[in-house]
Amino acid sequence: MDDTEVKNKDTDKGTRHKGKHDKPKPDVDPAKVWKIVPAPDEACLLEVSSFSTLFPQYRETYLQGVWPQVKSALKEHGITCELDLVKGSMTVSTTRKTKDPYIIVKARDLIKLLSRSVPASQALKILIDEMQCDIIKIGGLVRNKDKFVKRRQRLIGPDSSTLKALEILTECYILVQGNSVSAMGSYKGLKQVRRIVEECMLNKMHPLYNIKVLMMRRDLASNPELANENWDRFLPKFKKKNVKQKKVKSKEKKEYTPFPPPQPPSKIDMQLDSGEYFLSDKKKSAKKWQERQEKQAEKTAENKRRREEAFKAPEEARVQDDDKNHKDDIAAMAASLKNKAKEFGNRKSSNDEIDAEMYIAASGQPSSKKKRKNKN
């Protein structure tokens, strides 16, 4: 009896334990269980918040065509928007249907991006929670207009190649328009974009060097062995070359005097001092003519002197003969004379005696020309 009772107790315990996990599960869609239900109307915002921004005139036609799309996107979040073409402004404000208090800040960023020439399809992505934006003002970083245009073009690159490389490496959307740079992406990417743009506009570092550093950082991040190590020894260090600049001449400070400087003499005062003021018109004209003739004579003399300089023979360079060179020349001349004397002696001994009559024409024999005349 005791064994049977123990077995029954064990079976009862086992069946009770098994039944806890074999309960029938409810046939419910998990999407409906985790569906976000909007808060009731009583839990709305207490105050109305609104933001407005101006837009340039050339964006008016584009905004008119895109505004229905923007309005419908903001309506889903309970935000109203208004486009005022008379004042040239865009306004967004909350309503009683707005549940997310931060969405008004996103809507403010949206109208800012639209006014900065960002396309509507790209600007509407700012309503996503993971997407942030940053508008970098570069107009006040450079005073000289020519330098500003060159550095801004340096940031864009030929055929926007530099800008595309920055977009790929930072995973951000970048648009350079006028005096500002609009960027959209994560916080980390926006921080990198702002640093690169400011360094380029302040002429601290070229964007290509920053692109090289970003590429190396990406390669190092993909290596799990170097994840917890310092990367400074792998990254290149670019040193800025010191270009020599023109030294500014410091003006000598004059001693301070409370009295104003003396007034310079006028033309009439100078004529009174020289006595020209009291001369007649005829004498004044004669004096001017005389001065003109003197200037002309000086000019002609100067021109004549310049013309004569072209015909002057250049100075010959003086030959400085050293004693050693002079001795070498004399020795070479003596050796050449000895060689010629030997050659002449050899030639005289080898040749036969020269008959002088062969070279002297006979006086009694007529020449060949005379013979021809006689024959004729």
Protein backbone atom coordinates (compact mmCIF):
# COMPACT_ATOMS: atom_id res chain seq x y z
CA MET A 1 0.00 0.00 0.00
CA ASP A 2 2.79 2.33 0.80
CA ASP A 3 4.50 1.90 -2.59
CA THR A 4 1.30 2.55 -4.52
CA GLU A 5 0.58 5.73 -2.55
CA VAL A 6 4.11 7.05 -3.26
CA LYS A 7 3.71 6.34 -6.98
CA ASN A 8 0.34 8.11 -7.08
CA LYS A 9 1.83 11.14 -5.33
CA ASP A 10 4.75 11.24 -7.84
CA THR A 11 2.38 10.98 -10.80
CA ASP A 12 0.17 13.72 -9.38
CA LYS A 13 3.18 16.01 -8.91
CA GLY A 14 4.41 15.26 -12.42
CA THR A 15 1.08 15.97 -14.05
CA ARG A 16 0.67 19.25 -12.12
CA HIS A 17 4.17 20.41 -13.10
CA LYS A 18 3.62 19.52 -16.75
CA GLY A 19 0.30 21.25 -16.94
CA LYS A 20 1.77 24.64 -16.06
CA HIS A 21 3.71 24.84 -19.37
CA ASP A 22 1.09 23.17 -21.58
CA LYS A 23 -1.49 25.92 -21.24
CA PRO A 24 -3.10 26.86 -24.58
CA LYS A 25 -1.42 30.01 -26.03
CA PRO A 26 -3.70 32.78 -27.27
CA ASP A 27 -3.87 33.16 -31.06
CA VAL A 28 -2.97 36.92 -31.20
CA ASP A 29 -0.92 38.83 -33.81
CA PRO A 30 2.26 40.17 -32.09
CA ALA A 31 2.13 43.31 -34.26
CA LYS A 32 -1.21 44.21 -32.67
CA VAL A 33 0.13 43.53 -29.19
CA TRP A 34 3.09 45.92 -29.63
CA LYS A 35 1.18 48.47 -31.69
CA ILE A 36 1.69 52.05 -30.46
CA VAL A 37 -1.64 53.54 -29.54
CA PRO A 38 -1.81 57.35 -29.56
CA ALA A 39 -2.50 59.04 -26.30
CA PRO A 40 -6.03 60.27 -25.65
CA ASP A 41 -7.04 63.82 -26.54
CA GLU A 42 -6.86 64.91 -22.92
CA ALA A 43 -3.06 64.30 -22.89
CA CYS A 44 -2.21 66.96 -25.51
CA LEU A 45 0.30 69.81 -25.29
CA LEU A 46 -0.79 72.71 -23.12
CA GLU A 47 0.86 75.51 -25.16
CA VAL A 48 1.21 76.12 -28.90
CA SER A 49 4.80 76.28 -30.13
CA SER A 50 5.65 77.74 -33.54
CA PHE A 51 8.77 78.48 -35.58
CA SER A 52 9.15 80.49 -38.78
CA THR A 53 12.00 81.13 -41.19
CA LEU A 54 12.52 83.22 -44.30
CA PHE A 55 13.42 81.81 -47.71
CA PRO A 56 15.03 83.47 -50.78
CA GLN A 57 12.93 84.57 -53.71
CA TYR A 58 14.38 82.04 -56.16
CA ARG A 59 13.01 79.18 -53.98
CA GLU A 60 9.42 80.44 -54.22
CA THR A 61 8.33 78.45 -57.29
CA TYR A 62 9.94 75.23 -56.03
CA LEU A 63 8.33 75.51 -52.59
CA GLN A 64 4.92 76.13 -54.14
CA GLY A 65 5.15 72.84 -56.06
CA VAL A 66 6.47 70.82 -53.11
CA TRP A 67 4.35 72.32 -50.32
CA PRO A 68 1.44 69.78 -50.51
CA GLN A 69 3.95 66.95 -49.97
CA VAL A 70 5.48 68.74 -46.98
CA LYS A 71 2.06 69.53 -45.53
CA SER A 72 0.89 65.90 -45.70
CA ALA A 73 4.14 64.64 -44.10
CA LEU A 74 3.80 67.05 -41.17
CA LYS A 75 0.08 66.35 -40.76
CA GLU A 76 0.86 62.73 -39.79
CA HIS A 77 2.76 64.08 -36.77
CA GLY A 78 0.09 66.63 -35.85
CA ILE A 79 2.00 69.72 -37.11
CA THR A 80 0.49 72.48 -39.22
CA CYS A 81 2.58 74.44 -41.73
CA GLU A 82 1.95 77.66 -43.59
CA LEU A 83 3.68 79.18 -46.63
CA ASP A 84 3.47 82.98 -46.83
CA LEU A 85 4.56 84.19 -50.28
CA VAL A 86 3.98 87.85 -49.44
CA LYS A 87 6.40 87.91 -46.49
CA GLY A 88 8.55 85.12 -47.93
CA SER A 89 8.38 82.93 -44.83
CA MET A 90 7.48 79.38 -43.73
CA THR A 91 5.82 78.70 -40.37
CA VAL A 92 5.26 75.45 -38.45
CA SER A 93 3.23 75.13 -35.23
CA THR A 94 1.86 72.45 -32.92
CA THR A 95 -1.84 71.49 -32.63
CA ARG A 96 -4.02 69.61 -30.15
CA LYS A 97 -3.24 66.42 -32.08
CA THR A 98 0.53 66.71 -31.50
CA LYS A 99 1.72 63.91 -29.22
CA ASP A 100 5.52 64.09 -29.59
CA PRO A 101 6.85 67.32 -28.04
CA TYR A 102 10.20 67.07 -29.93
CA ILE A 103 8.59 66.84 -33.38
CA ILE A 104 8.24 70.63 -33.52
CA VAL A 105 12.06 70.91 -33.38
CA LYS A 106 12.29 68.45 -36.28
CA ALA A 107 9.74 70.52 -38.21
CA ARG A 108 11.80 73.66 -37.55
CA ASP A 109 14.90 71.90 -38.99
CA LEU A 110 12.80 70.84 -41.99
CA ILE A 111 11.85 74.39 -43.00
CA LYS A 112 15.45 75.53 -42.40
CA LEU A 113 16.74 72.88 -44.80
CA LEU A 114 14.11 73.77 -47.40
CA SER A 115 15.16 77.42 -47.25
CA ARG A 116 18.83 76.35 -47.74
CA SER A 117 18.05 74.73 -51.14
CA VAL A 118 17.91 71.14 -49.85
CA PRO A 119 15.52 69.03 -52.00
CA ALA A 120 12.20 68.20 -50.32
CA SER A 121 12.69 64.44 -50.72
CA GLN A 122 15.95 64.68 -48.75
CA ALA A 123 14.75 67.28 -46.24
CA LEU A 124 11.72 65.15 -45.19
CA LYS A 125 14.13 62.49 -43.87
CA ILE A 126 14.85 64.80 -40.96
CA LEU A 127 11.55 63.70 -39.40
CA ILE A 128 13.15 60.29 -38.69
CA ASP A 129 14.42 60.00 -35.11
CA GLU A 130 17.91 58.79 -36.05
CA MET A 131 18.48 61.64 -38.53
CA GLN A 132 19.92 64.97 -37.39
CA CYS A 133 20.99 68.10 -39.26
CA ASP A 134 23.60 70.83 -38.94
CA ILE A 135 23.83 74.12 -40.84
CA ILE A 136 27.40 75.45 -40.90
CA LYS A 137 27.73 79.15 -41.69
CA ILE A 138 30.97 79.79 -43.60
CA GLY A 139 30.35 83.36 -44.76
CA GLY A 140 32.07 85.00 -41.79
CA LEU A 141 35.13 82.72 -41.68
CA VAL A 142 36.95 84.45 -44.60
CA ARG A 143 36.98 88.19 -45.19
CA ASN A 144 38.47 88.26 -48.68
CA LYS A 145 35.85 87.34 -51.29
CA ASP A 146 38.31 85.78 -53.75
CA LYS A 147 39.82 83.57 -51.05
CA PHE A 148 36.32 82.58 -49.90
CA VAL A 149 35.32 81.44 -53.40
CA LYS A 150 38.57 79.46 -53.88
CA ARG A 151 38.31 77.67 -50.52
CA ARG A 152 34.63 76.87 -51.07
CA GLN A 153 35.51 75.38 -54.47
CA ARG A 154 38.32 73.43 -52.78
CA LEU A 155 35.70 71.90 -50.46
CA ILE A 156 33.49 70.88 -53.41
CA GLY A 157 36.33 69.60 -55.61
CA PRO A 158 36.37 68.97 -59.37
CA ASP A 159 32.97 67.59 -60.45
CA SER A 160 31.98 67.44 -56.73
CA SER A 161 34.41 64.54 -56.22
CA THR A 162 35.67 65.77 -52.83
CA LEU A 163 32.12 66.30 -51.57
CA LYS A 164 31.04 62.81 -52.67
CA ALA A 165 34.03 61.24 -50.92
CA LEU A 166 33.14 63.08 -47.69
CA GLU A 167 29.53 61.91 -47.97
CA ILE A 168 30.62 58.27 -48.32
CA LEU A 169 33.12 58.37 -45.45
CA THR A 170 30.97 60.34 -42.97
CA GLU A 171 27.65 58.77 -44.10
CA CYS A 172 26.09 62.24 -44.24
CA TYR A 173 24.30 64.27 -46.89
CA ILE A 174 26.26 67.50 -47.58
CA LEU A 175 25.11 70.48 -49.65
CA VAL A 176 27.20 73.63 -50.20
CA GLN A 177 24.97 76.57 -51.08
CA GLY A 178 25.95 80.24 -50.87
CA ASN A 179 27.36 81.17 -47.47
CA SER A 180 26.31 77.96 -45.69
CA VAL A 181 26.87 74.19 -45.72
CA SER A 182 23.89 71.96 -44.89
CA ALA A 183 24.57 68.47 -43.54
CA MET A 184 22.25 65.61 -42.55
CA GLY A 185 23.25 62.40 -40.77
CA SER A 186 24.24 60.99 -37.39
CA TYR A 187 25.80 63.01 -34.58
CA LYS A 188 29.22 61.46 -35.15
CA GLY A 189 29.17 62.16 -38.89
CA LEU A 190 27.96 65.75 -38.41
CA LYS A 191 30.79 66.41 -35.96
CA GLN A 192 33.35 65.22 -38.54
CA VAL A 193 31.74 67.28 -41.33
CA ARG A 194 31.80 70.49 -39.26
CA ARG A 195 35.47 70.01 -38.35
CA ILE A 196 36.49 69.34 -41.98
CA VAL A 197 34.52 72.33 -43.32
CA GLU A 198 35.92 74.76 -40.75
CA GLU A 199 39.51 73.55 -41.29
CA CYS A 200 39.11 73.99 -45.05
CA MET A 201 37.64 77.49 -44.84
CA LEU A 202 40.22 78.64 -42.25
CA ASN A 203 43.03 77.18 -44.44
CA LYS A 204 44.22 74.85 -41.65
CA MET A 205 44.08 71.58 -43.60
CA HIS A 206 43.10 70.54 -47.12
CA PRO A 207 40.00 68.28 -47.34
CA LEU A 208 42.02 65.60 -49.17
CA TYR A 209 44.22 65.09 -46.10
CA ASN A 210 41.13 64.68 -43.93
CA ILE A 211 39.75 62.16 -46.44
CA LYS A 212 42.98 60.13 -46.14
CA VAL A 213 42.69 60.12 -42.35
CA LEU A 214 39.04 59.03 -42.49
CA MET A 215 39.87 56.18 -44.87
CA MET A 216 42.63 54.96 -42.57
CA ARG A 217 40.33 55.18 -39.54
CA ARG A 218 37.72 53.10 -41.34
CA ASP A 219 40.32 50.43 -42.19
CA LEU A 220 41.57 50.36 -38.59
CA ALA A 221 38.02 50.07 -37.23
CA SER A 222 37.40 46.99 -39.38
CA ASN A 223 40.40 45.24 -37.75
CA PRO A 224 39.23 43.63 -34.44
CA GLU A 225 42.82 43.31 -33.14
CA LEU A 226 43.27 47.11 -33.13
CA ALA A 227 39.85 47.94 -31.71
CA ASN A 228 41.16 48.76 -28.20
CA GLU A 229 44.51 50.29 -29.19
CA ASN A 230 45.62 53.85 -29.83
CA TRP A 231 45.58 54.69 -33.55
CA ASP A 232 47.83 57.76 -33.44
CA ARG A 233 50.88 55.78 -34.53
CA PHE A 234 49.07 54.63 -37.68
CA LEU A 235 47.56 57.96 -38.71
CA PRO A 236 49.63 60.36 -40.86
CA LYS A 237 50.77 63.67 -39.42
CA PHE A 238 50.57 66.59 -41.83
CA LYS A 239 52.79 69.55 -41.04
CA LYS A 240 51.86 72.94 -42.37
CA LYS A 241 54.67 74.62 -44.31
CA ASN A 242 55.49 78.14 -43.23
CA VAL A 243 55.24 80.35 -46.30
CA LYS A 244 57.30 83.51 -46.18
CA GLN A 245 55.04 86.51 -45.96
CA LYS A 246 55.77 90.11 -46.68
CA LYS A 247 56.94 91.99 -43.64
CA VAL A 248 54.67 94.85 -42.77
CA LYS A 249 56.61 98.06 -42.44
CA SER A 250 55.99 99.49 -39.02
CA LYS A 251 55.34 103.20 -39.12
CA GLU A 252 57.28 105.28 -36.67
CA LYS A 253 55.03 106.87 -34.14
CA LYS A 254 55.25 110.61 -34.11
CA GLU A 255 55.30 112.55 -30.92
CA TYR A 256 51.87 113.60 -29.82
CA THR A 257 51.23 117.33 -29.98
CA PRO A 258 47.93 118.92 -29.03
CA PHE A 259 48.30 121.52 -31.78
CA PRO A 260 47.16 120.76 -35.34
CA PRO A 261 49.75 120.62 -38.14
CA PRO A 262 50.46 123.87 -40.01
CA GLN A 263 48.23 124.61 -42.95
CA PRO A 264 49.96 124.02 -46.32
CA PRO A 265 50.36 127.14 -48.49
CA SER A 266 47.76 127.62 -51.20
CA LYS A 267 48.48 128.20 -54.88
CA ILE A 268 47.92 131.93 -54.56
CA ASP A 269 50.31 132.13 -51.60
CA MET A 270 53.01 130.38 -53.63
CA GLN A 271 52.47 132.78 -56.53
CA LEU A 272 52.73 135.75 -54.17
CA ASP A 273 56.01 134.45 -52.75
CA SER A 274 57.55 133.94 -56.21
CA GLY A 275 56.14 137.21 -57.56
CA GLU A 276 54.27 135.43 -60.36
CA TYR A 277 50.95 136.76 -59.08
CA PHE A 278 51.79 140.31 -60.15
CA LEU A 279 52.92 139.40 -63.70
CA SER A 280 50.74 140.14 -66.70
CA ASP A 281 49.11 137.36 -68.76
CA LYS A 282 51.63 137.88 -71.58
CA LYS A 283 54.60 137.45 -69.26
CA LYS A 284 52.99 134.41 -67.61
CA SER A 285 52.52 132.72 -70.99
CA ALA A 286 56.09 133.59 -71.99
CA LYS A 287 57.40 132.08 -68.75
CA LYS A 288 55.38 128.89 -69.28
CA TRP A 289 56.68 128.64 -72.85
CA GLN A 290 60.26 129.09 -71.62
CA GLU A 291 59.82 126.31 -69.03
CA ARG A 292 58.34 124.05 -71.70
CA GLN A 293 61.32 124.70 -74.00
CA GLU A 294 63.78 123.87 -71.20
CA LYS A 295 62.01 120.57 -70.45
CA GLN A 296 61.96 119.72 -74.15
CA ALA A 297 65.69 120.43 -74.49
CA GLU A 298 66.45 118.18 -71.50
CA LYS A 299 64.32 115.42 -72.99
CA THR A 300 66.02 115.63 -76.40
CA ALA A 301 69.48 115.56 -74.79
CA GLU A 302 68.52 112.48 -72.80
CA ASN A 303 67.20 110.70 -75.91
CA LYS A 304 70.34 111.59 -77.85
CA ARG A 305 72.53 110.21 -75.08
CA ARG A 306 70.57 106.94 -75.10
CA ARG A 307 70.94 106.60 -78.90
CA GLU A 308 74.70 107.23 -78.74
CA GLU A 309 75.13 104.54 -76.07
CA ALA A 310 73.92 101.92 -78.56
CA PHE A 311 76.83 102.75 -80.94
CA LYS A 312 79.60 102.56 -78.34
CA ALA A 313 81.97 99.63 -78.74
CA PRO A 314 81.96 97.22 -75.82
CA GLU A 315 85.04 97.10 -73.64
CA GLU A 316 87.39 94.27 -74.52
CA ALA A 317 88.24 91.80 -71.84
CA ARG A 318 91.84 92.09 -70.70
CA VAL A 319 93.92 88.98 -71.24
CA GLN A 320 95.94 88.06 -68.17
CA ASP A 321 98.84 85.87 -69.26
CA ASP A 322 100.47 83.84 -66.57
CA ASP A 323 104.19 83.10 -66.66
CA LYS A 324 103.56 79.40 -66.85
CA ASN A 325 101.26 79.63 -69.87
CA HIS A 326 103.74 81.98 -71.60
CA LYS A 327 106.63 79.50 -71.14
CA ASP A 328 104.50 76.63 -72.43
CA ASP A 329 103.68 78.60 -75.60
CA ILE A 330 107.38 79.33 -76.28
CA ALA A 331 108.37 75.69 -75.76
CA ALA A 332 105.63 74.51 -78.11
CA MET A 333 106.72 77.02 -80.78
CA ALA A 334 110.41 75.92 -80.56
CA ALA A 335 109.45 72.25 -80.89
CA SER A 336 107.33 72.95 -83.99
CA LEU A 337 110.19 74.88 -85.64
CA LYS A 338 112.64 72.01 -85.00
CA ASN A 339 110.25 69.52 -86.58
CA LYS A 340 109.82 71.68 -89.68
CA ALA A 341 113.63 72.06 -90.06
CA LYS A 342 114.11 68.29 -89.93
CA GLU A 343 111.38 67.71 -92.55
CA PHE A 344 112.94 70.28 -94.86
CA GLY A 345 116.41 68.65 -94.53
CA ASN A 346 115.08 65.19 -95.33
CA ARG A 347 113.21 66.47 -98.38
CA LYS A 348 116.37 68.20 -99.72
CA SER A 349 118.55 65.10 -99.43
CA SER A 350 116.02 62.79 -101.08
CA ASN A 351 115.28 64.99 -104.13
CA ASP A 352 117.68 65.18 -107.13
CA GLU A 353 119.49 68.31 -108.19
CA ILE A 354 117.07 70.88 -109.52
CA ASP A 355 117.75 72.18 -113.02
CA ALA A 356 117.11 75.93 -113.14
CA GLU A 357 116.74 75.94 -116.93
CA MET A 358 113.52 73.95 -116.64
CA TYR A 359 111.93 76.81 -114.80
CA ILE A 360 113.33 79.62 -116.97
CA ALA A 361 111.83 80.08 -120.40
CA ALA A 362 114.43 80.38 -123.23
CA SER A 363 114.64 83.85 -124.70
CA GLY A 364 115.27 82.60 -128.28
CA GLN A 365 112.35 80.11 -128.40
CA PRO A 366 108.97 81.66 -129.21
CA SER A 367 106.03 80.87 -127.04
CA SER A 368 103.18 78.59 -128.11
CA LYS A 369 100.83 81.53 -128.71
CA LYS A 370 103.34 83.14 -131.15
CA LYS A 371 103.69 79.84 -133.04
CA ARG A 372 99.94 79.63 -133.55
CA LYS A 373 99.84 83.20 -134.91
CA ASN A 374 102.67 82.45 -137.37
CA LYS A 375 100.91 79.32 -138.65
CA ASN A 376 97.81 81.33 -139.33
